[in-house]
């Protein structure tokens, strides 16, 4: 079971971590972000420094489930074993080796590995 996140608290903590490094702390805020969840709502005014840091953090984020695209169908749903949930093929070198072996076995009519 995963621990629920409080998006407003996460944003507030991010602002607290980044703000001390603002080279121009006296400049007026340049953005406002509102967050409304089941836990409540908050509004944050952000300096140019913080909004740029937030944009860089969001740009660099990669989902842990992103294992690339399937080499067979181009789908983006590879499981942890690189098995494509869209077309059923194994992705990558291991998948290629297994597919070639299966073709050879099928061509020779062998029943055992």
N, C-alpha and C. Protein backbone atom coordinates (compact mmCIF):
# COMPACT_ATOMS: atom_id res chain seq x y z
N UNK A 1 0.85 -1.17 0.00
CA UNK A 1 0.00 0.00 0.00
C UNK A 1 0.90 1.24 0.00
N UNK A 2 0.57 2.21 -0.83
CA UNK A 2 1.37 3.42 -0.89
C UNK A 2 0.83 4.47 0.07
N UNK A 3 1.73 5.28 0.56
CA UNK A 3 1.35 6.37 1.45
C UNK A 3 0.77 7.50 0.62
N UNK A 4 -0.40 8.02 0.99
CA UNK A 4 -0.98 9.11 0.21
C UNK A 4 -0.10 10.36 0.30
N UNK A 5 -0.04 11.08 -0.82
CA UNK A 5 0.71 12.32 -0.86
C UNK A 5 -0.22 13.51 -0.65
N UNK A 6 0.29 14.52 -0.02
CA UNK A 6 -0.43 15.79 0.10
C UNK A 6 0.25 16.75 -0.86
N UNK A 7 -0.31 16.94 -2.06
CA UNK A 7 0.35 17.78 -3.07
C UNK A 7 0.70 19.18 -2.57
N UNK A 8 -0.18 19.79 -1.80
CA UNK A 8 0.10 21.14 -1.31
C UNK A 8 1.31 21.13 -0.38
N UNK A 9 1.42 20.12 0.47
CA UNK A 9 2.56 20.02 1.38
C UNK A 9 3.86 19.77 0.60
N UNK A 10 3.77 18.97 -0.47
CA UNK A 10 4.96 18.70 -1.29
C UNK A 10 5.42 19.98 -1.98
N UNK A 11 4.47 20.76 -2.52
CA UNK A 11 4.83 22.02 -3.17
C UNK A 11 5.42 23.00 -2.16
N UNK A 12 4.82 23.08 -0.99
CA UNK A 12 5.34 23.98 0.05
C UNK A 12 6.76 23.59 0.46
N UNK A 13 7.00 22.29 0.60
CA UNK A 13 8.35 21.83 0.97
C UNK A 13 9.35 22.14 -0.15
N UNK A 14 8.91 21.99 -1.41
CA UNK A 14 9.79 22.32 -2.54
C UNK A 14 10.15 23.81 -2.50
N UNK A 15 9.17 24.64 -2.29
CA UNK A 15 9.41 26.09 -2.22
C UNK A 15 10.39 26.40 -1.09
N UNK A 16 10.20 25.77 0.05
CA UNK A 16 11.10 26.00 1.20
C UNK A 16 12.54 25.57 0.89
N UNK A 17 12.69 24.47 0.12
CA UNK A 17 14.04 24.00 -0.22
C UNK A 17 14.73 24.89 -1.23
N UNK A 18 13.97 25.47 -2.16
CA UNK A 18 14.55 26.21 -3.27
C UNK A 18 14.71 27.70 -2.96
N UNK A 19 13.79 28.28 -2.23
CA UNK A 19 13.78 29.73 -1.97
C UNK A 19 15.07 30.32 -1.39
N UNK A 20 15.76 29.63 -0.49
CA UNK A 20 16.97 30.22 0.07
C UNK A 20 18.06 30.51 -0.98
N UNK A 21 17.97 29.90 -2.14
CA UNK A 21 18.99 30.09 -3.16
C UNK A 21 18.60 31.13 -4.21
N UNK A 22 17.50 31.80 -3.99
CA UNK A 22 17.04 32.84 -4.92
C UNK A 22 18.03 34.00 -4.90
N UNK A 23 18.68 34.30 -6.05
CA UNK A 23 19.65 35.39 -6.07
C UNK A 23 19.00 36.78 -5.98
N UNK A 24 17.68 36.85 -6.20
CA UNK A 24 16.96 38.13 -6.15
C UNK A 24 15.70 37.98 -5.31
N UNK A 25 15.85 37.83 -3.99
CA UNK A 25 14.69 37.56 -3.14
C UNK A 25 13.70 38.71 -3.03
N UNK A 26 14.11 39.93 -3.38
CA UNK A 26 13.23 41.08 -3.23
C UNK A 26 12.36 41.35 -4.45
N UNK A 27 12.55 40.59 -5.53
CA UNK A 27 11.76 40.78 -6.75
C UNK A 27 10.36 40.20 -6.54
N UNK A 28 9.37 40.86 -7.11
CA UNK A 28 7.97 40.44 -6.96
C UNK A 28 7.75 39.04 -7.57
N UNK A 29 6.79 38.31 -7.03
CA UNK A 29 6.46 36.98 -7.58
C UNK A 29 6.02 37.09 -9.05
N UNK A 30 6.26 36.01 -9.79
CA UNK A 30 5.91 36.01 -11.21
C UNK A 30 4.82 34.97 -11.54
N UNK A 31 4.46 34.12 -10.59
CA UNK A 31 3.46 33.09 -10.86
C UNK A 31 2.67 32.78 -9.59
N UNK A 32 1.46 32.29 -9.82
CA UNK A 32 0.59 31.84 -8.73
C UNK A 32 0.09 30.45 -9.11
N UNK A 33 0.23 29.52 -8.18
CA UNK A 33 -0.26 28.15 -8.41
C UNK A 33 -1.27 27.83 -7.32
N UNK A 34 -2.42 27.35 -7.74
CA UNK A 34 -3.45 26.91 -6.80
C UNK A 34 -3.56 25.40 -6.83
N UNK A 35 -3.72 24.80 -5.66
CA UNK A 35 -3.85 23.35 -5.56
C UNK A 35 -5.11 23.05 -4.75
N UNK A 36 -6.00 22.24 -5.37
CA UNK A 36 -7.23 21.85 -4.67
C UNK A 36 -7.30 20.33 -4.69
N UNK A 37 -7.34 19.73 -3.52
CA UNK A 37 -7.44 18.28 -3.39
C UNK A 37 -8.48 17.96 -2.33
N UNK A 38 -8.68 16.69 -2.08
CA UNK A 38 -9.60 16.27 -1.02
C UNK A 38 -9.11 16.74 0.35
N UNK A 39 -7.83 17.05 0.44
CA UNK A 39 -7.25 17.50 1.72
C UNK A 39 -7.43 18.99 1.95
N UNK A 40 -7.88 19.71 0.94
CA UNK A 40 -8.06 21.15 1.06
C UNK A 40 -7.48 21.87 -0.14
N UNK A 41 -7.32 23.16 -0.01
CA UNK A 41 -6.73 23.92 -1.11
C UNK A 41 -5.75 24.95 -0.58
N UNK A 42 -4.75 25.25 -1.42
CA UNK A 42 -3.72 26.23 -1.09
C UNK A 42 -3.37 27.00 -2.35
N UNK A 43 -2.90 28.21 -2.14
CA UNK A 43 -2.42 29.05 -3.25
C UNK A 43 -1.00 29.46 -2.90
N UNK A 44 -0.10 29.32 -3.89
CA UNK A 44 1.31 29.64 -3.69
C UNK A 44 1.72 30.72 -4.67
N UNK A 45 2.36 31.77 -4.17
CA UNK A 45 2.97 32.76 -5.06
C UNK A 45 4.43 32.37 -5.21
N UNK A 46 4.90 32.37 -6.46
CA UNK A 46 6.23 31.86 -6.73
C UNK A 46 7.12 32.91 -7.39
N UNK A 47 8.35 32.95 -6.93
CA UNK A 47 9.34 33.83 -7.56
C UNK A 47 9.80 33.20 -8.87
N UNK A 48 10.46 34.00 -9.68
CA UNK A 48 11.01 33.48 -10.94
C UNK A 48 11.96 32.31 -10.66
N UNK A 49 12.77 32.44 -9.62
CA UNK A 49 13.73 31.39 -9.26
C UNK A 49 13.01 30.07 -8.94
N UNK A 50 11.96 30.15 -8.14
CA UNK A 50 11.24 28.94 -7.73
C UNK A 50 10.48 28.33 -8.91
N UNK A 51 9.82 29.13 -9.73
CA UNK A 51 9.06 28.57 -10.84
C UNK A 51 9.99 27.94 -11.87
N UNK A 52 11.17 28.53 -12.08
CA UNK A 52 12.14 27.91 -12.99
C UNK A 52 12.64 26.57 -12.43
N UNK A 53 12.89 26.53 -11.13
CA UNK A 53 13.33 25.28 -10.49
C UNK A 53 12.24 24.23 -10.60
N UNK A 54 10.99 24.63 -10.40
CA UNK A 54 9.87 23.70 -10.49
C UNK A 54 9.73 23.17 -11.92
N UNK A 55 9.86 24.05 -12.90
CA UNK A 55 9.78 23.62 -14.30
C UNK A 55 10.91 22.66 -14.65
N UNK A 56 12.13 22.93 -14.18
CA UNK A 56 13.25 22.01 -14.44
C UNK A 56 13.00 20.66 -13.78
N UNK A 57 12.47 20.68 -12.57
CA UNK A 57 12.18 19.42 -11.86
C UNK A 57 11.11 18.62 -12.61
N UNK A 58 10.07 19.29 -13.08
CA UNK A 58 9.01 18.60 -13.81
C UNK A 58 9.51 18.09 -15.16
N UNK A 59 10.34 18.88 -15.83
CA UNK A 59 10.91 18.46 -17.12
C UNK A 59 11.79 17.22 -16.99
N UNK A 60 12.54 17.13 -15.92
CA UNK A 60 13.49 16.04 -15.77
C UNK A 60 12.86 14.78 -15.17
N UNK A 61 11.62 14.86 -14.72
CA UNK A 61 10.97 13.71 -14.11
C UNK A 61 10.74 12.61 -15.14
N UNK A 62 11.05 11.39 -14.77
CA UNK A 62 10.75 10.21 -15.59
C UNK A 62 9.99 9.23 -14.72
N UNK A 63 8.88 8.77 -15.23
CA UNK A 63 8.04 7.84 -14.49
C UNK A 63 8.79 6.52 -14.29
N UNK A 64 8.79 5.96 -13.08
CA UNK A 64 9.48 4.70 -12.84
C UNK A 64 8.93 3.55 -13.69
N UNK A 65 7.70 3.67 -14.18
CA UNK A 65 7.11 2.65 -15.03
C UNK A 65 7.55 2.78 -16.49
N UNK A 66 8.25 3.87 -16.83
CA UNK A 66 8.69 4.10 -18.21
C UNK A 66 9.90 3.23 -18.49
N UNK A 67 9.68 2.19 -19.27
CA UNK A 67 10.77 1.27 -19.65
C UNK A 67 11.05 1.36 -21.14
N UNK A 68 10.63 2.48 -21.75
CA UNK A 68 10.84 2.69 -23.17
C UNK A 68 9.69 2.18 -24.00
N UNK A 69 9.91 2.16 -25.30
CA UNK A 69 8.90 1.70 -26.25
C UNK A 69 9.20 0.28 -26.70
N UNK A 70 8.15 -0.47 -26.96
CA UNK A 70 8.30 -1.84 -27.48
C UNK A 70 8.93 -1.78 -28.86
N UNK A 71 9.92 -2.62 -29.09
CA UNK A 71 10.59 -2.65 -30.39
C UNK A 71 9.72 -3.29 -31.45
N UNK A 72 8.66 -3.98 -31.04
CA UNK A 72 7.77 -4.62 -32.01
C UNK A 72 6.62 -3.70 -32.42
N UNK A 73 5.85 -3.19 -31.45
CA UNK A 73 4.65 -2.40 -31.78
C UNK A 73 4.79 -0.92 -31.45
N UNK A 74 5.84 -0.55 -30.73
CA UNK A 74 6.02 0.85 -30.34
C UNK A 74 5.24 1.25 -29.10
N UNK A 75 4.52 0.29 -28.51
CA UNK A 75 3.74 0.58 -27.30
C UNK A 75 4.62 0.98 -26.13
N UNK A 76 4.02 1.61 -25.14
CA UNK A 76 4.77 2.11 -23.98
C UNK A 76 4.44 1.34 -22.71
N UNK A 77 3.94 0.13 -22.85
CA UNK A 77 3.52 -0.63 -21.68
C UNK A 77 4.37 -1.88 -21.49
N UNK A 78 5.65 -1.68 -21.23
CA UNK A 78 6.55 -2.81 -20.95
C UNK A 78 6.55 -3.07 -19.45
N UNK A 79 6.39 -4.34 -19.07
CA UNK A 79 6.43 -4.64 -17.64
C UNK A 79 7.88 -4.76 -17.17
N UNK A 80 8.07 -5.13 -15.91
CA UNK A 80 9.43 -5.18 -15.35
C UNK A 80 10.30 -6.22 -16.04
N UNK A 81 9.69 -7.17 -16.74
CA UNK A 81 10.45 -8.17 -17.48
C UNK A 81 10.58 -7.81 -18.96
N UNK A 82 10.22 -6.58 -19.30
CA UNK A 82 10.25 -6.06 -20.67
C UNK A 82 9.31 -6.83 -21.60
N UNK A 83 8.23 -7.32 -21.04
CA UNK A 83 7.18 -7.99 -21.80
C UNK A 83 6.14 -6.92 -22.14
N UNK A 84 5.80 -6.77 -23.43
CA UNK A 84 4.87 -5.73 -23.86
C UNK A 84 3.44 -6.17 -23.58
N UNK A 85 2.72 -5.36 -22.81
CA UNK A 85 1.33 -5.68 -22.50
C UNK A 85 0.40 -5.38 -23.68
N UNK A 86 0.91 -4.65 -24.68
CA UNK A 86 0.09 -4.32 -25.85
C UNK A 86 0.10 -5.43 -26.89
N UNK A 87 1.29 -5.95 -27.23
CA UNK A 87 1.38 -6.95 -28.31
C UNK A 87 1.85 -8.31 -27.83
N UNK A 88 2.32 -8.41 -26.57
CA UNK A 88 2.73 -9.70 -26.03
C UNK A 88 4.18 -10.08 -26.29
N UNK A 89 4.92 -9.26 -27.02
CA UNK A 89 6.31 -9.58 -27.35
C UNK A 89 7.24 -9.20 -26.21
N UNK A 90 8.38 -9.89 -26.15
CA UNK A 90 9.44 -9.48 -25.24
C UNK A 90 10.30 -8.46 -25.96
N UNK A 91 10.70 -7.42 -25.25
CA UNK A 91 11.43 -6.31 -25.83
C UNK A 91 12.94 -6.52 -25.64
N UNK A 92 13.72 -5.95 -26.52
CA UNK A 92 15.16 -5.91 -26.36
C UNK A 92 15.86 -7.17 -26.84
N UNK A 93 17.12 -7.27 -26.47
CA UNK A 93 17.96 -8.37 -26.93
C UNK A 93 17.44 -9.72 -26.44
N UNK A 94 17.06 -9.80 -25.18
CA UNK A 94 16.54 -11.06 -24.65
C UNK A 94 15.29 -11.48 -25.42
N UNK A 95 14.40 -10.55 -25.67
CA UNK A 95 13.20 -10.86 -26.43
C UNK A 95 13.53 -11.33 -27.84
N UNK A 96 14.49 -10.68 -28.46
CA UNK A 96 14.91 -11.06 -29.81
C UNK A 96 15.50 -12.47 -29.82
N UNK A 97 16.37 -12.76 -28.86
CA UNK A 97 16.99 -14.09 -28.77
C UNK A 97 15.92 -15.15 -28.56
N UNK A 98 14.97 -14.88 -27.66
CA UNK A 98 13.92 -15.86 -27.39
C UNK A 98 13.02 -16.05 -28.61
N UNK A 99 12.70 -14.97 -29.33
CA UNK A 99 11.86 -15.08 -30.53
C UNK A 99 12.57 -15.90 -31.61
N UNK A 100 13.87 -15.64 -31.79
CA UNK A 100 14.63 -16.40 -32.79
C UNK A 100 14.70 -17.88 -32.42
N UNK A 101 14.91 -18.16 -31.14
CA UNK A 101 14.95 -19.55 -30.69
C UNK A 101 13.59 -20.22 -30.92
N UNK A 102 12.52 -19.51 -30.61
CA UNK A 102 11.18 -20.07 -30.81
C UNK A 102 10.93 -20.36 -32.29
N UNK A 103 11.41 -19.48 -33.18
CA UNK A 103 11.25 -19.71 -34.62
C UNK A 103 12.03 -20.95 -35.06
N UNK A 104 13.26 -21.09 -34.54
CA UNK A 104 14.07 -22.26 -34.89
C UNK A 104 13.41 -23.55 -34.41
N UNK A 105 12.91 -23.53 -33.18
CA UNK A 105 12.25 -24.71 -32.63
C UNK A 105 11.01 -25.04 -33.45
N UNK A 106 10.23 -24.03 -33.79
CA UNK A 106 9.02 -24.25 -34.58
C UNK A 106 9.36 -24.80 -35.96
N UNK A 107 10.45 -24.31 -36.55
CA UNK A 107 10.85 -24.74 -37.90
C UNK A 107 11.34 -26.20 -37.89
N UNK A 108 11.98 -26.63 -36.82
CA UNK A 108 12.49 -27.99 -36.76
C UNK A 108 11.48 -28.97 -36.18
N UNK A 109 10.42 -28.44 -35.58
CA UNK A 109 9.39 -29.29 -35.00
C UNK A 109 9.77 -29.92 -33.68
N UNK A 110 10.78 -29.36 -32.99
CA UNK A 110 11.21 -29.89 -31.68
C UNK A 110 10.16 -29.60 -30.63
N UNK A 111 9.98 -30.54 -29.69
CA UNK A 111 9.04 -30.33 -28.60
C UNK A 111 9.74 -29.99 -27.29
N UNK A 112 11.04 -30.27 -27.19
CA UNK A 112 11.75 -30.02 -25.94
C UNK A 112 12.77 -28.92 -26.14
N UNK A 113 13.15 -28.22 -25.06
CA UNK A 113 14.14 -27.13 -25.16
C UNK A 113 15.52 -27.61 -25.55
